[in-house]
N, C-alpha and C. Protein backbone atom coordinates (compact mmCIF):
# COMPACT_ATOMS: atom_id res chain seq x y z
N UNK A 1 0.82 -1.19 0.00
CA UNK A 1 0.00 0.00 0.00
C UNK A 1 0.86 1.26 0.00
N UNK A 2 1.93 1.25 0.77
CA UNK A 2 2.80 2.42 0.85
C UNK A 2 3.49 2.71 -0.48
N UNK A 3 3.82 1.66 -1.22
CA UNK A 3 4.49 1.84 -2.50
C UNK A 3 3.55 2.50 -3.51
N UNK A 4 2.29 2.11 -3.49
CA UNK A 4 1.30 2.72 -4.39
C UNK A 4 1.15 4.21 -4.08
N UNK A 5 1.08 4.56 -2.82
CA UNK A 5 0.97 5.97 -2.41
C UNK A 5 2.19 6.74 -2.86
N UNK A 6 3.36 6.17 -2.72
CA UNK A 6 4.61 6.81 -3.13
C UNK A 6 4.60 7.09 -4.63
N UNK A 7 4.12 6.14 -5.43
CA UNK A 7 4.07 6.32 -6.88
C UNK A 7 3.06 7.39 -7.26
N UNK A 8 1.92 7.41 -6.60
CA UNK A 8 0.89 8.42 -6.89
C UNK A 8 1.42 9.81 -6.56
N UNK A 9 2.07 9.95 -5.42
CA UNK A 9 2.62 11.25 -5.03
C UNK A 9 3.72 11.70 -5.98
N UNK A 10 4.51 10.78 -6.46
CA UNK A 10 5.56 11.12 -7.42
C UNK A 10 4.97 11.61 -8.74
N UNK A 11 3.94 10.95 -9.22
CA UNK A 11 3.27 11.36 -10.45
C UNK A 11 2.60 12.72 -10.31
N UNK A 12 1.99 12.94 -9.16
CA UNK A 12 1.33 14.22 -8.91
C UNK A 12 2.35 15.34 -8.84
N UNK A 13 3.47 15.09 -8.21
CA UNK A 13 4.52 16.11 -8.14
C UNK A 13 5.07 16.46 -9.51
N UNK A 14 5.28 15.46 -10.34
CA UNK A 14 5.78 15.71 -11.70
C UNK A 14 4.76 16.51 -12.51
N UNK A 15 3.48 16.20 -12.35
CA UNK A 15 2.43 16.93 -13.05
C UNK A 15 2.38 18.38 -12.60
N UNK A 16 2.52 18.62 -11.30
CA UNK A 16 2.53 19.99 -10.78
C UNK A 16 3.71 20.79 -11.31
N UNK A 17 4.85 20.18 -11.41
CA UNK A 17 6.02 20.87 -11.96
C UNK A 17 5.79 21.21 -13.43
N UNK A 18 5.21 20.28 -14.18
CA UNK A 18 4.93 20.53 -15.60
C UNK A 18 3.95 21.68 -15.76
N UNK A 19 2.88 21.70 -14.97
CA UNK A 19 1.92 22.80 -15.05
C UNK A 19 2.55 24.12 -14.63
N UNK A 20 3.44 24.08 -13.67
CA UNK A 20 4.13 25.30 -13.25
C UNK A 20 4.99 25.87 -14.36
N UNK A 21 5.73 25.03 -15.04
CA UNK A 21 6.57 25.47 -16.15
C UNK A 21 5.72 26.04 -17.28
N UNK A 22 4.62 25.37 -17.59
CA UNK A 22 3.73 25.86 -18.65
C UNK A 22 3.14 27.21 -18.26
N UNK A 23 2.76 27.37 -17.00
CA UNK A 23 2.21 28.65 -16.54
C UNK A 23 3.22 29.77 -16.64
N UNK A 24 4.46 29.50 -16.29
CA UNK A 24 5.51 30.52 -16.38
C UNK A 24 5.74 30.92 -17.83
N UNK A 25 5.80 29.94 -18.73
CA UNK A 25 6.01 30.24 -20.15
C UNK A 25 4.86 31.05 -20.71
N UNK A 26 3.62 30.67 -20.36
CA UNK A 26 2.45 31.41 -20.85
C UNK A 26 2.45 32.83 -20.30
N UNK A 27 2.83 33.02 -19.05
CA UNK A 27 2.88 34.35 -18.46
C UNK A 27 3.92 35.24 -19.12
N UNK A 28 5.08 34.69 -19.40
CA UNK A 28 6.13 35.47 -20.06
C UNK A 28 5.70 35.83 -21.48
N UNK A 29 5.10 34.88 -22.18
CA UNK A 29 4.64 35.16 -23.55
C UNK A 29 3.57 36.25 -23.56
N UNK A 30 2.63 36.18 -22.62
CA UNK A 30 1.58 37.20 -22.55
C UNK A 30 2.18 38.56 -22.22
N UNK A 31 3.16 38.61 -21.33
CA UNK A 31 3.81 39.87 -20.98
C UNK A 31 4.53 40.48 -22.17
N UNK A 32 5.22 39.67 -22.93
CA UNK A 32 5.93 40.16 -24.11
C UNK A 32 4.95 40.71 -25.13
N UNK A 33 3.85 40.00 -25.35
CA UNK A 33 2.85 40.47 -26.31
C UNK A 33 2.23 41.79 -25.85
N UNK A 34 1.98 41.94 -24.57
CA UNK A 34 1.42 43.19 -24.05
C UNK A 34 2.40 44.35 -24.20
N UNK A 35 3.67 44.11 -23.97
CA UNK A 35 4.68 45.16 -24.13
C UNK A 35 4.78 45.58 -25.59
N UNK A 36 4.76 44.62 -26.50
CA UNK A 36 4.85 44.94 -27.93
C UNK A 36 3.64 45.74 -28.39
N UNK A 37 2.44 45.31 -27.97
CA UNK A 37 1.24 46.05 -28.40
C UNK A 37 1.20 47.44 -27.78
N UNK A 38 1.67 47.59 -26.56
CA UNK A 38 1.74 48.91 -25.94
C UNK A 38 2.72 49.82 -26.66
N UNK A 39 3.84 49.28 -27.07
CA UNK A 39 4.83 50.08 -27.80
C UNK A 39 4.27 50.52 -29.15
N UNK A 40 3.51 49.65 -29.80
CA UNK A 40 2.90 50.03 -31.07
C UNK A 40 1.88 51.15 -30.88
N UNK A 41 1.11 51.07 -29.80
CA UNK A 41 0.13 52.12 -29.52
C UNK A 41 0.82 53.46 -29.24
N UNK A 42 1.89 53.42 -28.47
CA UNK A 42 2.62 54.66 -28.18
C UNK A 42 3.26 55.23 -29.44
N UNK A 43 3.73 54.35 -30.32
CA UNK A 43 4.32 54.81 -31.58
C UNK A 43 3.31 55.44 -32.51
N UNK A 44 2.10 54.91 -32.54
CA UNK A 44 1.07 55.45 -33.42
C UNK A 44 0.39 56.69 -32.83
N UNK A 45 0.66 56.99 -31.58
CA UNK A 45 0.07 58.16 -30.94
C UNK A 45 0.51 59.45 -31.61
N UNK A 46 1.73 59.48 -32.14
CA UNK A 46 2.26 60.67 -32.79
C UNK A 46 1.53 60.97 -34.09
N UNK A 47 0.98 59.96 -34.74
CA UNK A 47 0.31 60.14 -36.04
C UNK A 47 -1.14 60.60 -35.88
N UNK A 48 -1.69 60.51 -34.69
CA UNK A 48 -3.10 60.82 -34.48
C UNK A 48 -3.28 62.31 -34.23
N UNK A 49 -4.35 62.85 -34.80
CA UNK A 49 -4.72 64.25 -34.55
C UNK A 49 -6.09 64.24 -33.90
N UNK A 50 -6.16 64.83 -32.73
CA UNK A 50 -7.44 64.85 -32.00
C UNK A 50 -7.93 66.27 -31.94
């Protein structure tokens, strides 16, 4: 019984690490996209006449 619990906990830990890495990558990608779109908006601000 203890061996089964040990294997389940090991699998769960590996899954949590994988989800953590995916979350970090998605967060960095979203941040980069937001910075790029903000820079484009600031660049186009000079062309606008209000």
